[in-house]
Amino acid sequence: MNLVNVIQHTSADYLGLMEDHLEGRRIRFKYFRPFTEQGTVPQAGDLCDALFLMGGGPWGSAGARDVPTLAPEIRLVRNMLDQGKPVLGIGLGAQVLAIASGGSSEPAPLEFCVGHAQRLQDDALAGFMPERFPQVSYMRDRPIPPAEARILAEDAAGNPAVFLVGKNALGFTGHPGFKTAMAEDLIMEFEEAPENPAPLLERLQRMSKEIEDALVPLMTGIIKITGLMQTRHRIPLELKG
């Protein structure tokens, strides 16, 4: 069974509906919660087959309210990329991936968006990305992928919604497995929240079945790109010759 290390930036933002898809494929995942008293960011030598970085609610990366663990996370992602290991960044995690891979992030206010993304390339996610799929984001700031990244999909405003760095590092500005309860918890957890979120919460609830349906091909493509169904021989970084 392959193992994914998952960095959470807030207790409310986690893998959500993606958990069932990983468990169904016998892919284990281990959460790291550096925002808790005993929590830490994974270390470079930790045994894992991939790294997932979740969203951060009102935390960002462009200077206004940076997540406290931004610097060590950037170093960790660079290390993963140097090893050729897969990385999946969602929301704030996509910003970290963009910065670590030679891009950057730009300031943007905290926004709760419920809409759709449009596929730009027919072969996106090994051909499994739907032409149009739900795009749900709860995020401050925006990633600017490096010039060599492939933009696989864009949101309604024309911003990158999904991008690919190298062969196996993916950034999603929206959470493909988002649950309504996650948005409700984010609103309750922090003193800063979007204005008048009720209509968006109602729209999100109506889209729940569409999100579940779209996640089936999206997860198939994510697994293909990350290679998480392949057998691996894990070697800690410090033991590599």
Protein backbone atom coordinates (compact mmCIF):
# COMPACT_ATOMS: atom_id res chain seq x y z
CA MET A 1 0.00 0.00 0.00
CA ASN A 2 1.36 3.40 -0.97
CA LEU A 3 1.43 6.21 1.59
CA VAL A 4 0.53 9.88 1.09
CA ASN A 5 1.58 12.55 3.58
CA VAL A 6 -1.15 15.21 3.81
CA ILE A 7 -0.49 18.68 5.25
CA GLN A 8 -3.53 20.41 6.71
CA HIS A 9 -3.49 24.15 7.38
CA THR A 10 -6.77 24.16 9.29
CA SER A 11 -8.86 21.39 10.78
CA ALA A 12 -11.82 22.24 8.52
CA ASP A 13 -9.99 21.75 5.22
CA TYR A 14 -9.07 18.12 4.65
CA LEU A 15 -9.30 15.54 1.85
CA GLY A 16 -13.08 15.43 2.09
CA LEU A 17 -14.66 13.20 -0.56
CA MET A 18 -11.20 12.25 -1.81
CA GLU A 19 -10.66 10.04 1.24
CA ASP A 20 -13.05 7.35 0.00
CA HIS A 21 -11.35 7.25 -3.40
CA LEU A 22 -7.92 6.77 -1.85
CA GLU A 23 -9.15 4.13 0.59
CA GLY A 24 -10.94 2.30 -2.21
CA ARG A 25 -7.61 2.03 -4.03
CA ARG A 26 -5.81 0.91 -0.84
CA ILE A 27 -3.76 4.11 -0.73
CA ARG A 28 -3.00 5.12 2.85
CA PHE A 29 -2.80 8.75 3.95
CA LYS A 30 -1.35 10.36 7.04
CA TYR A 31 -2.39 13.83 8.15
CA PHE A 32 0.12 16.36 9.45
CA ARG A 33 -1.39 19.30 11.38
CA PRO A 34 1.35 21.86 12.05
CA PHE A 35 -1.22 24.38 13.37
CA THR A 36 -1.78 22.24 16.48
CA GLU A 37 0.39 22.39 19.59
CA GLN A 38 2.23 19.15 18.85
CA GLY A 39 1.91 19.33 15.06
CA THR A 40 4.80 19.49 12.62
CA VAL A 41 5.47 19.68 8.90
CA PRO A 42 6.75 16.39 7.44
CA GLN A 43 10.51 16.13 7.29
CA ALA A 44 12.49 15.54 4.09
CA GLY A 45 13.51 12.05 5.20
CA ASP A 46 10.01 10.86 6.10
CA LEU A 47 8.96 7.78 4.15
CA CYS A 48 6.11 8.57 1.78
CA ASP A 49 5.12 8.09 -1.84
CA ALA A 50 3.46 11.48 -2.40
CA LEU A 51 2.71 14.77 -0.68
CA PHE A 52 -0.70 16.46 -0.66
CA LEU A 53 -1.09 20.04 0.62
CA MET A 54 -4.59 21.22 1.53
CA GLY A 55 -6.23 24.63 1.53
CA GLY A 56 -5.81 27.17 4.28
CA GLY A 57 -9.06 29.09 4.64
CA PRO A 58 -8.02 32.71 5.25
CA TRP A 59 -4.31 31.82 5.28
CA GLY A 60 -2.40 32.83 2.15
CA SER A 61 1.11 33.11 0.76
CA ALA A 62 1.45 36.56 -0.82
CA GLY A 63 2.20 38.68 2.24
CA ALA A 64 -1.14 39.77 3.71
CA ARG A 65 -1.70 36.75 5.96
CA ASP A 66 0.88 34.08 5.19
CA VAL A 67 0.46 30.64 6.68
CA PRO A 68 3.09 30.36 9.47
CA THR A 69 4.67 27.22 7.97
CA LEU A 70 5.07 28.67 4.46
CA ALA A 71 8.89 28.57 4.35
CA PRO A 72 9.36 24.95 5.54
CA GLU A 73 6.55 23.80 3.25
CA ILE A 74 8.21 25.42 0.23
CA ARG A 75 11.47 23.67 1.13
CA LEU A 76 9.68 20.35 1.54
CA VAL A 77 7.90 20.64 -1.83
CA ARG A 78 11.18 21.55 -3.55
CA ASN A 79 12.71 18.45 -2.00
CA MET A 80 9.84 16.29 -3.24
CA LEU A 81 10.12 17.75 -6.74
CA ASP A 82 13.89 17.19 -6.75
CA GLN A 83 13.26 13.53 -5.90
CA GLY A 84 10.66 13.23 -8.65
CA LYS A 85 7.95 12.38 -6.13
CA PRO A 86 4.35 13.41 -6.86
CA VAL A 87 2.83 16.49 -5.23
CA LEU A 88 -0.80 17.62 -5.19
CA GLY A 89 -1.55 21.12 -3.96
CA ILE A 90 -5.10 22.32 -3.36
CA GLY A 91 -6.00 25.97 -2.72
CA LEU A 92 -3.20 27.32 -0.53
CA GLY A 93 -1.36 24.09 -1.33
CA ALA A 94 -1.41 25.04 -5.04
CA GLN A 95 0.18 28.36 -4.10
CA VAL A 96 2.96 26.57 -2.22
CA LEU A 97 3.53 24.29 -5.21
CA ALA A 98 3.67 27.24 -7.60
CA ILE A 99 6.24 29.07 -5.46
CA ALA A 100 8.35 25.94 -4.85
CA SER A 101 8.48 25.12 -8.57
CA GLY A 102 9.69 28.55 -9.68
CA GLY A 103 6.42 30.47 -9.94
CA SER A 104 4.89 32.74 -7.33
CA SER A 105 1.62 33.85 -5.82
CA GLU A 106 -0.27 37.12 -6.04
CA PRO A 107 -2.38 38.93 -3.45
CA ALA A 108 -6.13 38.44 -3.58
CA PRO A 109 -8.80 38.87 -0.90
CA LEU A 110 -10.35 35.91 0.84
CA GLU A 111 -13.04 34.56 -1.48
CA PHE A 112 -15.57 31.75 -1.33
CA CYS A 113 -16.36 30.76 -4.93
CA VAL A 114 -18.78 28.09 -6.18
CA GLY A 115 -18.77 27.67 -9.93
CA HIS A 116 -17.23 25.62 -12.73
CA ALA A 117 -13.85 25.18 -14.38
CA GLN A 118 -13.27 24.56 -18.08
CA ARG A 119 -10.78 22.04 -19.43
CA LEU A 120 -8.20 23.56 -21.80
CA GLN A 121 -6.46 20.42 -23.07
CA ASP A 122 -8.13 17.22 -24.25
CA ASP A 123 -5.43 15.05 -22.67
CA ALA A 124 -5.61 16.77 -19.27
CA LEU A 125 -5.20 14.31 -16.38
CA ALA A 126 -4.32 11.53 -18.81
CA GLY A 127 -7.56 12.24 -20.68
CA PHE A 128 -9.81 11.81 -17.61
CA MET A 129 -10.56 15.47 -16.84
CA PRO A 130 -14.19 16.34 -17.67
CA GLU A 131 -14.68 19.16 -20.15
CA ARG A 132 -16.51 21.14 -17.43
CA PHE A 133 -16.47 20.36 -13.72
CA PRO A 134 -17.32 22.01 -10.37
CA GLN A 135 -14.83 24.54 -9.05
CA VAL A 136 -15.20 25.25 -5.34
CA SER A 137 -12.57 27.37 -3.62
CA TYR A 138 -12.27 29.05 -0.24
CA MET A 139 -8.96 30.86 -0.53
CA ARG A 140 -6.89 33.98 -0.03
CA ASP A 141 -4.32 34.87 -2.74
CA ARG A 142 -3.79 33.06 -6.04
CA PRO A 143 -0.99 30.88 -7.45
CA ILE A 144 1.04 31.98 -10.45
CA PRO A 145 2.41 28.76 -11.94
CA PRO A 146 5.92 28.77 -13.43
CA ALA A 147 6.23 29.52 -17.14
CA GLU A 148 6.91 25.88 -18.00
CA ALA A 149 3.77 24.60 -16.22
CA ARG A 150 0.87 23.30 -18.29
CA ILE A 151 -2.43 25.00 -17.53
CA LEU A 152 -4.98 22.20 -17.76
CA ALA A 153 -8.14 24.12 -16.83
CA GLU A 154 -9.24 27.64 -16.01
CA ASP A 155 -11.98 29.11 -13.85
CA ALA A 156 -14.79 31.44 -14.94
CA ALA A 157 -12.50 34.47 -14.53
CA GLY A 158 -9.82 32.96 -16.76
CA ASN A 159 -7.42 32.17 -13.91
CA PRO A 160 -5.59 28.80 -13.75
CA ALA A 161 -7.85 26.24 -12.08
CA VAL A 162 -5.61 23.19 -12.56
CA PHE A 163 -1.95 23.17 -13.57
CA LEU A 164 0.72 20.52 -14.03
CA VAL A 165 4.38 21.02 -13.07
CA GLY A 166 6.71 18.48 -14.61
CA LYS A 167 5.14 15.05 -14.99
CA ASN A 168 3.52 14.42 -11.63
CA ALA A 169 2.91 17.62 -9.63
CA LEU A 170 -0.61 19.04 -9.80
CA GLY A 171 -2.11 22.26 -8.51
CA PHE A 172 -5.88 22.69 -8.03
CA THR A 173 -7.12 26.12 -6.96
CA GLY A 174 -10.47 24.52 -6.10
CA HIS A 175 -11.01 21.46 -3.94
CA PRO A 176 -12.31 18.59 -6.12
CA GLY A 177 -13.71 16.76 -3.08
CA PHE A 178 -15.19 19.73 -1.23
CA LYS A 179 -18.07 19.18 1.19
CA THR A 180 -20.62 21.78 2.29
CA ALA A 181 -19.73 21.10 5.93
CA MET A 182 -16.13 22.10 5.21
CA ALA A 183 -17.20 25.61 4.17
CA GLU A 184 -19.49 25.87 7.19
CA ASP A 185 -16.64 24.86 9.50
CA LEU A 186 -14.21 27.31 7.86
CA ILE A 187 -16.70 30.14 8.39
CA MET A 188 -17.11 29.16 12.04
CA GLU A 189 -13.42 28.47 12.74
CA PHE A 190 -12.01 31.90 11.86
CA GLU A 191 -12.98 35.44 12.75
CA GLU A 192 -12.48 36.42 9.09
CA ALA A 193 -15.09 35.12 6.67
CA PRO A 194 -16.59 36.08 3.30
CA GLU A 195 -19.58 38.40 3.37
CA ASN A 196 -23.03 36.85 3.00
CA PRO A 197 -21.96 33.23 2.38
CA ALA A 198 -25.50 31.81 2.71
CA PRO A 199 -26.38 31.87 -1.04
CA LEU A 200 -23.10 30.18 -1.90
CA LEU A 201 -23.65 27.52 0.75
CA GLU A 202 -27.07 26.82 -0.73
CA ARG A 203 -25.61 26.59 -4.23
CA LEU A 204 -22.86 24.31 -2.97
CA GLN A 205 -25.43 22.03 -1.38
CA ARG A 206 -27.33 21.80 -4.67
CA MET A 207 -24.10 20.91 -6.48
CA SER A 208 -23.11 18.11 -4.10
CA LYS A 209 -24.16 15.30 -6.46
CA GLU A 210 -22.38 16.99 -9.38
CA ILE A 211 -19.21 17.27 -7.28
CA GLU A 212 -19.39 13.59 -6.35
CA ASP A 213 -19.90 12.55 -9.97
CA ALA A 214 -17.08 14.73 -11.34
CA LEU A 215 -14.68 13.46 -8.68
CA VAL A 216 -14.79 9.93 -10.14
CA PRO A 217 -12.92 10.79 -13.38
CA LEU A 218 -10.87 13.52 -11.67
CA MET A 219 -9.52 11.07 -9.10
CA THR A 220 -8.82 8.52 -11.82
CA GLY A 221 -6.72 11.13 -13.60
CA ILE A 222 -4.99 12.26 -10.41
CA ILE A 223 -4.04 8.68 -9.61
CA LYS A 224 -2.75 8.20 -13.15
CA ILE A 225 -0.60 11.34 -13.05
CA THR A 226 0.76 10.73 -9.56
CA GLY A 227 1.33 7.03 -10.17
CA LEU A 228 -0.04 6.15 -6.75
CA MET A 229 -1.20 2.71 -7.87
CA GLN A 230 2.36 1.72 -8.77
CA THR A 231 4.52 -0.38 -6.48
CA ARG A 232 7.32 1.68 -4.94
CA HIS A 233 10.45 1.01 -2.92
CA ARG A 234 10.71 3.78 -0.37
CA ILE A 235 14.19 5.01 0.54
CA PRO A 236 14.64 7.82 3.06
CA LEU A 237 16.40 10.84 1.60
CA GLU A 238 19.27 10.62 4.07
CA LEU A 239 20.04 7.04 2.97
CA LYS A 240 20.21 7.77 -0.74
CA GLY A 241 23.68 7.52 -2.18
